[in-house]
Amino acid sequence: MRAWLLRLRLNPRCHRVFSGAVLDGQELYRDLMRLAPDDLGEQHRKEAGVLFRCEADQRGFVVLAQLRFPPRLERLPEELATEVRQRELTPLLERLERGTRVRYRIDANPTKRNGDLVEDKGKRGKLTVLRGTESELWWVRKAGEAGLHPLEIRSTPMPDVLGREYRKRGASERVKHGVSRFEGVGMVTDPDALRAAVIDGIGRARTFGCGMLSVGPEERG
């Protein structure tokens, strides 16, 4: 398993990836997909493994993005970013061992599908965004499946991201995806599962800026 990480400082004048204060995840995803090889077959999105997360600092917005191939930076739109850095994640992933403590961060789209309860009548099959304690319980379950036992969880509601859902007859509509950020310290319980989760992502709305799990060495003072 190999992966490359990009750090892009967004150009504040590139307004097409934002709608007001809301990130247009679909537009940004299109730009990032240009960095992947062209000959990936019918499942090119899955093979490219493009994931990303937008973060804010005192200078504006930074996009952290990753993919499974060396990025073709010459194909990045010139107007998108003012700074670009890259590095391979493979050495870090190879060092993961059972029992290792790591710091983690993920912007996720925690959801549940309504079931057959009486109170769900008329809403069966629809997705509901989880908030608060429910979202943290969702993360504990997903992290465990991904080979990471959270020892510490800090959750923060994040701005929604824009995406598009396709309806019958090819029609589509703009939709917002709820986002929660989970970060803290965790212990590796299954290194192979954690490596796969970092490369593949976790949860829904991955093509809109959710699901990218970042892990790194725990910093101890």
C-alpha atoms as a PDB file:
ATOM      1  CA  MET A   1       0.000   0.000   0.000  1.00  0.00           C
ATOM      2  CA  ARG A   2       1.411   3.359  -1.051  1.00  0.00           C
ATOM      3  CA  ALA A   3       0.034   6.855  -0.648  1.00  0.00           C
ATOM      4  CA  TRP A   4       1.146  10.429  -1.225  1.00  0.00           C
ATOM      5  CA  LEU A   5       0.125  13.483   0.807  1.00  0.00           C
ATOM      6  CA  LEU A   6      -0.312  16.989  -0.601  1.00  0.00           C
ATOM      7  CA  ARG A   7      -0.599  20.233   1.301  1.00  0.00           C
ATOM      8  CA  LEU A   8      -2.204  22.988  -0.769  1.00  0.00           C
ATOM      9  CA  ARG A   9      -2.677  26.538   0.433  1.00  0.00           C
ATOM     10  CA  LEU A  10      -5.816  27.674  -1.347  1.00  0.00           C
ATOM     11  CA  ASN A  11      -5.676  30.858  -3.341  1.00  0.00           C
ATOM     12  CA  PRO A  12      -8.153  33.243  -1.619  1.00  0.00           C
ATOM     13  CA  ARG A  13      -9.117  34.569  -5.058  1.00  0.00           C
ATOM     14  CA  CYS A  14     -10.200  31.141  -6.298  1.00  0.00           C
ATOM     15  CA  HIS A  15     -13.858  31.563  -5.404  1.00  0.00           C
ATOM     16  CA  ARG A  16     -15.187  28.636  -7.442  1.00  0.00           C
ATOM     17  CA  VAL A  17     -14.402  26.093  -4.677  1.00  0.00           C
ATOM     18  CA  PHE A  18     -16.419  28.026  -2.102  1.00  0.00           C
ATOM     19  CA  SER A  19     -20.076  29.023  -2.006  1.00  0.00           C
ATOM     20  CA  GLY A  20     -20.166  31.671   0.669  1.00  0.00           C
ATOM     21  CA  ALA A  21     -18.387  30.012   3.602  1.00  0.00           C
ATOM     22  CA  VAL A  22     -19.274  26.511   2.377  1.00  0.00           C
ATOM     23  CA  LEU A  23     -16.679  24.410   0.606  1.00  0.00           C
ATOM     24  CA  ASP A  24     -17.731  23.047  -2.781  1.00  0.00           C
ATOM     25  CA  GLY A  25     -16.299  19.600  -2.212  1.00  0.00           C
ATOM     26  CA  GLN A  26     -17.308  18.300  -5.615  1.00  0.00           C
ATOM     27  CA  GLU A  27     -15.520  21.106  -7.468  1.00  0.00           C
ATOM     28  CA  LEU A  28     -12.345  20.613  -5.444  1.00  0.00           C
ATOM     29  CA  TYR A  29     -12.494  16.852  -5.950  1.00  0.00           C
ATOM     30  CA  ARG A  30     -12.551  17.358  -9.731  1.00  0.00           C
ATOM     31  CA  ASP A  31      -9.363  19.412  -9.513  1.00  0.00           C
ATOM     32  CA  LEU A  32      -7.606  16.822  -7.350  1.00  0.00           C
ATOM     33  CA  MET A  33      -8.611  13.953  -9.653  1.00  0.00           C
ATOM     34  CA  ARG A  34      -6.582  15.622 -12.412  1.00  0.00           C
ATOM     35  CA  LEU A  35      -3.449  14.675 -10.463  1.00  0.00           C
ATOM     36  CA  ALA A  36      -4.099  10.932 -10.840  1.00  0.00           C
ATOM     37  CA  PRO A  37      -3.092   8.840 -13.870  1.00  0.00           C
ATOM     38  CA  ASP A  38      -5.557   8.671 -16.768  1.00  0.00           C
ATOM     39  CA  ASP A  39      -5.351   4.921 -17.406  1.00  0.00           C
ATOM     40  CA  LEU A  40      -6.998   3.578 -14.242  1.00  0.00           C
ATOM     41  CA  GLY A  41      -9.866   1.778 -15.936  1.00  0.00           C
ATOM     42  CA  GLU A  42     -13.600   1.955 -15.310  1.00  0.00           C
ATOM     43  CA  GLN A  43     -13.209   2.343 -11.545  1.00  0.00           C
ATOM     44  CA  HIS A  44     -10.765   5.213 -11.864  1.00  0.00           C
ATOM     45  CA  ARG A  45     -12.105   7.059  -8.807  1.00  0.00           C
ATOM     46  CA  LYS A  46     -11.643   4.059  -6.548  1.00  0.00           C
ATOM     47  CA  GLU A  47      -8.206   3.272  -7.972  1.00  0.00           C
ATOM     48  CA  ALA A  48      -6.991   6.872  -7.607  1.00  0.00           C
ATOM     49  CA  GLY A  49      -7.923   6.903  -3.916  1.00  0.00           C
ATOM     50  CA  VAL A  50      -8.285  10.687  -3.760  1.00  0.00           C
ATOM     51  CA  LEU A  51      -9.244  11.941  -0.292  1.00  0.00           C
ATOM     52  CA  PHE A  52      -9.003  15.445   1.121  1.00  0.00           C
ATOM     53  CA  ARG A  53      -9.736  17.648   4.099  1.00  0.00           C
ATOM     54  CA  CYS A  54      -9.930  21.442   4.327  1.00  0.00           C
ATOM     55  CA  GLU A  55      -8.475  23.189   7.376  1.00  0.00           C
ATOM     56  CA  ALA A  56      -8.325  26.850   8.358  1.00  0.00           C
ATOM     57  CA  ASP A  57      -5.403  28.757   9.856  1.00  0.00           C
ATOM     58  CA  GLN A  58      -4.464  32.407  10.339  1.00  0.00           C
ATOM     59  CA  ARG A  59      -3.476  32.735   6.678  1.00  0.00           C
ATOM     60  CA  GLY A  60      -6.613  31.238   5.156  1.00  0.00           C
ATOM     61  CA  PHE A  61      -7.482  27.721   4.046  1.00  0.00           C
ATOM     62  CA  VAL A  62      -5.258  24.692   3.570  1.00  0.00           C
ATOM     63  CA  VAL A  63      -6.276  21.499   1.776  1.00  0.00           C
ATOM     64  CA  LEU A  64      -4.653  18.232   2.804  1.00  0.00           C
ATOM     65  CA  ALA A  65      -5.118  15.683   0.044  1.00  0.00           C
ATOM     66  CA  GLN A  66      -3.836  12.200  -0.620  1.00  0.00           C
ATOM     67  CA  LEU A  67      -3.854   9.711  -3.480  1.00  0.00           C
ATOM     68  CA  ARG A  68      -2.323   6.332  -4.296  1.00  0.00           C
ATOM     69  CA  PHE A  69      -0.012   7.548  -7.048  1.00  0.00           C
ATOM     70  CA  PRO A  70       2.701  10.204  -7.296  1.00  0.00           C
ATOM     71  CA  PRO A  71       0.704  13.375  -8.043  1.00  0.00           C
ATOM     72  CA  ARG A  72       1.107  15.006 -11.431  1.00  0.00           C
ATOM     73  CA  LEU A  73       1.462  18.514 -10.045  1.00  0.00           C
ATOM     74  CA  GLU A  74       1.809  20.034 -13.498  1.00  0.00           C
ATOM     75  CA  ARG A  75      -1.906  19.341 -13.994  1.00  0.00           C
ATOM     76  CA  LEU A  76      -3.010  21.263 -10.900  1.00  0.00           C
ATOM     77  CA  PRO A  77      -4.989  24.390 -11.939  1.00  0.00           C
ATOM     78  CA  GLU A  78      -2.694  27.389 -11.489  1.00  0.00           C
ATOM     79  CA  GLU A  79      -5.398  29.493  -9.867  1.00  0.00           C
ATOM     80  CA  LEU A  80      -6.201  26.929  -7.164  1.00  0.00           C
ATOM     81  CA  ALA A  81      -3.238  27.138  -4.774  1.00  0.00           C
ATOM     82  CA  THR A  82      -0.440  29.547  -3.879  1.00  0.00           C
ATOM     83  CA  GLU A  83       1.729  26.903  -2.152  1.00  0.00           C
ATOM     84  CA  VAL A  84       2.058  23.165  -2.791  1.00  0.00           C
ATOM     85  CA  ARG A  85       4.025  20.583  -0.809  1.00  0.00           C
ATOM     86  CA  GLN A  86       4.084  16.819  -1.129  1.00  0.00           C
ATOM     87  CA  ARG A  87       5.545  13.751   0.578  1.00  0.00           C
ATOM     88  CA  GLU A  88       5.058  10.013   0.493  1.00  0.00           C
ATOM     89  CA  LEU A  89       3.083   8.543   3.403  1.00  0.00           C
ATOM     90  CA  THR A  90       4.262   4.969   2.901  1.00  0.00           C
ATOM     91  CA  PRO A  91       7.195   5.091   5.385  1.00  0.00           C
ATOM     92  CA  LEU A  92       4.896   6.365   8.155  1.00  0.00           C
ATOM     93  CA  LEU A  93       2.295   3.675   7.445  1.00  0.00           C
ATOM     94  CA  GLU A  94       4.926   0.941   7.452  1.00  0.00           C
ATOM     95  CA  ARG A  95       6.027   1.952  10.962  1.00  0.00           C
ATOM     96  CA  LEU A  96       2.583   1.375  12.489  1.00  0.00           C
ATOM     97  CA  GLU A  97       2.644  -1.452  15.030  1.00  0.00           C
ATOM     98  CA  ARG A  98       0.121  -2.941  17.432  1.00  0.00           C
ATOM     99  CA  GLY A  99       0.158  -0.974  20.685  1.00  0.00           C
ATOM    100  CA  THR A 100       1.623   2.183  19.129  1.00  0.00           C
ATOM    101  CA  ARG A 101       0.040   5.428  20.350  1.00  0.00           C
ATOM    102  CA  VAL A 102      -0.729   7.911  17.572  1.00  0.00           C
ATOM    103  CA  ARG A 103      -2.447  11.216  17.125  1.00  0.00           C
ATOM    104  CA  TYR A 104      -5.348  11.167  14.686  1.00  0.00           C
ATOM    105  CA  ARG A 105      -7.692  13.573  12.916  1.00  0.00           C
ATOM    106  CA  ILE A 106     -10.624  13.011  10.591  1.00  0.00           C
ATOM    107  CA  ASP A 107     -13.461  15.150   9.208  1.00  0.00           C
ATOM    108  CA  ALA A 108     -16.289  12.657   8.897  1.00  0.00           C
ATOM    109  CA  ASN A 109     -19.908  12.500   7.797  1.00  0.00           C
ATOM    110  CA  PRO A 110     -21.435  10.430  10.637  1.00  0.00           C
ATOM    111  CA  THR A 111     -24.833   9.126   9.573  1.00  0.00           C
ATOM    112  CA  LYS A 112     -27.362   6.410  10.257  1.00  0.00           C
ATOM    113  CA  ARG A 113     -30.084   5.010   8.060  1.00  0.00           C
ATOM    114  CA  ASN A 114     -33.566   5.127   9.535  1.00  0.00           C
ATOM    115  CA  GLY A 115     -34.978   1.714  10.275  1.00  0.00           C
ATOM    116  CA  ASP A 116     -38.412   0.276  10.693  1.00  0.00           C
ATOM    117  CA  LEU A 117     -39.317   1.893  14.000  1.00  0.00           C
ATOM    118  CA  VAL A 118     -42.771   3.421  14.319  1.00  0.00           C
ATOM    119  CA  GLU A 119     -41.311   6.883  14.755  1.00  0.00           C
ATOM    120  CA  ASP A 120     -39.421   6.423  11.473  1.00  0.00           C
ATOM    121  CA  LYS A 121     -42.614   5.905   9.485  1.00  0.00           C
ATOM    122  CA  GLY A 122     -42.393   7.856   6.254  1.00  0.00           C
ATOM    123  CA  LYS A 123     -38.616   8.246   6.593  1.00  0.00           C
ATOM    124  CA  ARG A 124     -37.490   4.664   6.162  1.00  0.00           C
ATOM    125  CA  GLY A 125     -34.259   4.338   4.269  1.00  0.00           C
ATOM    126  CA  LYS A 126     -33.323   8.018   4.632  1.00  0.00           C
ATOM    127  CA  LEU A 127     -29.983   9.023   6.091  1.00  0.00           C
ATOM    128  CA  THR A 128     -29.791  11.124   9.235  1.00  0.00           C
ATOM    129  CA  VAL A 129     -26.680  13.078  10.210  1.00  0.00           C
ATOM    130  CA  LEU A 130     -25.544  12.281  13.745  1.00  0.00           C
ATOM    131  CA  ARG A 131     -24.525  15.017  16.150  1.00  0.00           C
ATOM    132  CA  GLY A 132     -23.067  15.251  19.647  1.00  0.00           C
ATOM    133  CA  THR A 133     -22.779  12.041  21.650  1.00  0.00           C
ATOM    134  CA  GLU A 134     -24.329   9.976  18.851  1.00  0.00           C
ATOM    135  CA  SER A 135     -21.628  11.110  16.441  1.00  0.00           C
ATOM    136  CA  GLU A 136     -18.893  10.248  18.958  1.00  0.00           C
ATOM    137  CA  LEU A 137     -20.320   6.761  19.424  1.00  0.00           C
ATOM    138  CA  TRP A 138     -20.330   6.415  15.631  1.00  0.00           C
ATOM    139  CA  TRP A 139     -16.644   7.351  15.585  1.00  0.00           C
ATOM    140  CA  VAL A 140     -15.726   4.893  18.368  1.00  0.00           C
ATOM    141  CA  ARG A 141     -17.325   2.093  16.341  1.00  0.00           C
ATOM    142  CA  LYS A 142     -15.746   3.131  13.038  1.00  0.00           C
ATOM    143  CA  ALA A 143     -12.330   3.653  14.607  1.00  0.00           C
ATOM    144  CA  GLY A 144     -12.454   0.209  16.197  1.00  0.00           C
ATOM    145  CA  GLU A 145     -13.289  -1.361  12.835  1.00  0.00           C
ATOM    146  CA  ALA A 146     -10.316   0.548  11.391  1.00  0.00           C
ATOM    147  CA  GLY A 147      -7.827  -0.882  13.892  1.00  0.00           C
ATOM    148  CA  LEU A 148      -7.654   2.212  16.121  1.00  0.00           C
ATOM    149  CA  HIS A 149      -8.806   2.394  19.748  1.00  0.00           C
ATOM    150  CA  PRO A 150      -9.500   6.053  20.660  1.00  0.00           C
ATOM    151  CA  LEU A 151      -7.974   6.926  24.046  1.00  0.00           C
ATOM    152  CA  GLU A 152      -9.025  10.538  23.698  1.00  0.00           C
ATOM    153  CA  ILE A 153     -11.750  12.103  21.546  1.00  0.00           C
ATOM    154  CA  ARG A 154     -12.316  15.764  20.822  1.00  0.00           C
ATOM    155  CA  SER A 155     -15.247  16.354  18.503  1.00  0.00           C
ATOM    156  CA  THR A 156     -16.038  19.629  16.769  1.00  0.00           C
ATOM    157  CA  PRO A 157     -18.985  20.448  14.472  1.00  0.00           C
ATOM    158  CA  MET A 158     -17.596  21.697  11.156  1.00  0.00           C
ATOM    159  CA  PRO A 159     -19.199  23.677   8.315  1.00  0.00           C
ATOM    160  CA  ASP A 160     -21.217  21.604   5.855  1.00  0.00           C
ATOM    161  CA  VAL A 161     -19.698  20.683   2.507  1.00  0.00           C
ATOM    162  CA  LEU A 162     -21.528  20.900  -0.800  1.00  0.00           C
ATOM    163  CA  GLY A 163     -22.063  17.909  -3.031  1.00  0.00           C
ATOM    164  CA  ARG A 164     -24.492  16.651  -5.628  1.00  0.00           C
ATOM    165  CA  GLU A 165     -27.011  13.813  -5.528  1.00  0.00           C
ATOM    166  CA  TYR A 166     -28.375  12.279  -8.725  1.00  0.00           C
ATOM    167  CA  ARG A 167     -32.042  11.476  -9.045  1.00  0.00           C
ATOM    168  CA  LYS A 168     -34.071   9.588 -11.613  1.00  0.00           C
ATOM    169  CA  ARG A 169     -33.726  10.432 -15.317  1.00  0.00           C
ATOM    170  CA  GLY A 170     -30.285  11.950 -14.785  1.00  0.00           C
ATOM    171  CA  ALA A 171     -31.529  14.934 -12.762  1.00  0.00           C
ATOM    172  CA  SER A 172     -29.392  16.117  -9.860  1.00  0.00           C
ATOM    173  CA  GLU A 173     -29.572  18.577  -7.003  1.00  0.00           C
ATOM    174  CA  ARG A 174     -27.082  20.321  -4.743  1.00  0.00           C
ATOM    175  CA  VAL A 175     -26.990  18.926  -1.221  1.00  0.00           C
ATOM    176  CA  LYS A 176     -25.088  19.688   1.962  1.00  0.00           C
ATOM    177  CA  HIS A 177     -23.275  17.027   3.958  1.00  0.00           C
ATOM    178  CA  GLY A 178     -22.938  17.455   7.717  1.00  0.00           C
ATOM    179  CA  VAL A 179     -19.375  17.224   9.015  1.00  0.00           C
ATOM    180  CA  SER A 180     -17.855  16.491  12.427  1.00  0.00           C
ATOM    181  CA  ARG A 181     -14.143  16.602  13.182  1.00  0.00           C
ATOM    182  CA  PHE A 182     -12.757  13.919  15.500  1.00  0.00           C
ATOM    183  CA  GLU A 183      -9.224  14.183  16.808  1.00  0.00           C
ATOM    184  CA  GLY A 184      -7.131  13.027  19.723  1.00  0.00           C
ATOM    185  CA  VAL A 185      -4.878  10.147  20.739  1.00  0.00           C
ATOM    186  CA  GLY A 186      -5.485   6.505  19.890  1.00  0.00           C
ATOM    187  CA  MET A 187      -3.784   3.134  20.161  1.00  0.00           C
ATOM    188  CA  VAL A 188      -3.161   0.917  17.144  1.00  0.00           C
ATOM    189  CA  THR A 189      -4.934  -2.431  17.574  1.00  0.00           C
ATOM    190  CA  ASP A 190      -4.671  -3.735  13.997  1.00  0.00           C
ATOM    191  CA  PRO A 191      -1.901  -2.135  11.884  1.00  0.00           C
ATOM    192  CA  ASP A 192      -3.094  -3.647   8.591  1.00  0.00           C
ATOM    193  CA  ALA A 193      -6.669  -2.459   9.124  1.00  0.00           C
ATOM    194  CA  LEU A 194      -5.453   1.019  10.066  1.00  0.00           C
ATOM    195  CA  ARG A 195      -3.225   1.273   6.997  1.00  0.00           C
ATOM    196  CA  ALA A 196      -6.196   0.308   4.821  1.00  0.00           C
ATOM    197  CA  ALA A 197      -8.433   2.877   6.534  1.00  0.00           C
ATOM    198  CA  VAL A 198      -5.897   5.658   5.976  1.00  0.00           C
ATOM    199  CA  ILE A 199      -5.612   4.822   2.281  1.00  0.00           C
ATOM    200  CA  ASP A 200      -9.306   4.062   1.617  1.00  0.00           C
ATOM    201  CA  GLY A 201     -10.999   6.550   3.968  1.00  0.00           C
ATOM    202  CA  ILE A 202     -13.864   6.076   6.433  1.00  0.00           C
ATOM    203  CA  GLY A 203     -17.584   6.744   6.111  1.00  0.00           C
ATOM    204  CA  ARG A 204     -19.650   8.603   3.537  1.00  0.00           C
ATOM    205  CA  ALA A 205     -19.106  11.751   1.434  1.00  0.00           C
ATOM    206  CA  ARG A 206     -15.456  10.903   0.739  1.00  0.00           C
ATOM    207  CA  THR A 207     -15.540  12.632  -2.638  1.00  0.00           C
ATOM    208  CA  PHE A 208     -16.812  15.816  -0.961  1.00  0.00           C
ATOM    209  CA  GLY A 209     -14.073  16.275   1.661  1.00  0.00           C
ATOM    210  CA  CYS A 210     -14.951  13.714   4.350  1.00  0.00           C
ATOM    211  CA  GLY A 211     -13.368  10.464   5.485  1.00  0.00           C
ATOM    212  CA  MET A 212      -9.640  11.227   5.235  1.00  0.00           C
ATOM    213  CA  LEU A 213      -7.994   9.776   8.365  1.00  0.00           C
ATOM    214  CA  SER A 214      -4.627  11.280   9.290  1.00  0.00           C
ATOM    215  CA  VAL A 215      -2.388   9.591  11.865  1.00  0.00           C
ATOM    216  CA  GLY A 216       1.051  10.495  13.151  1.00  0.00           C
ATOM    217  CA  PRO A 217       3.411   9.963  16.070  1.00  0.00           C
ATOM    218  CA  GLU A 218       2.127  11.082  19.458  1.00  0.00           C
ATOM    219  CA  GLU A 219       3.946  14.177  20.653  1.00  0.00           C
ATOM    220  CA  ARG A 220       4.918  13.930  24.293  1.00  0.00           C
ATOM    221  CA  GLY A 221       6.159  16.867  26.302  1.00  0.00           C
END
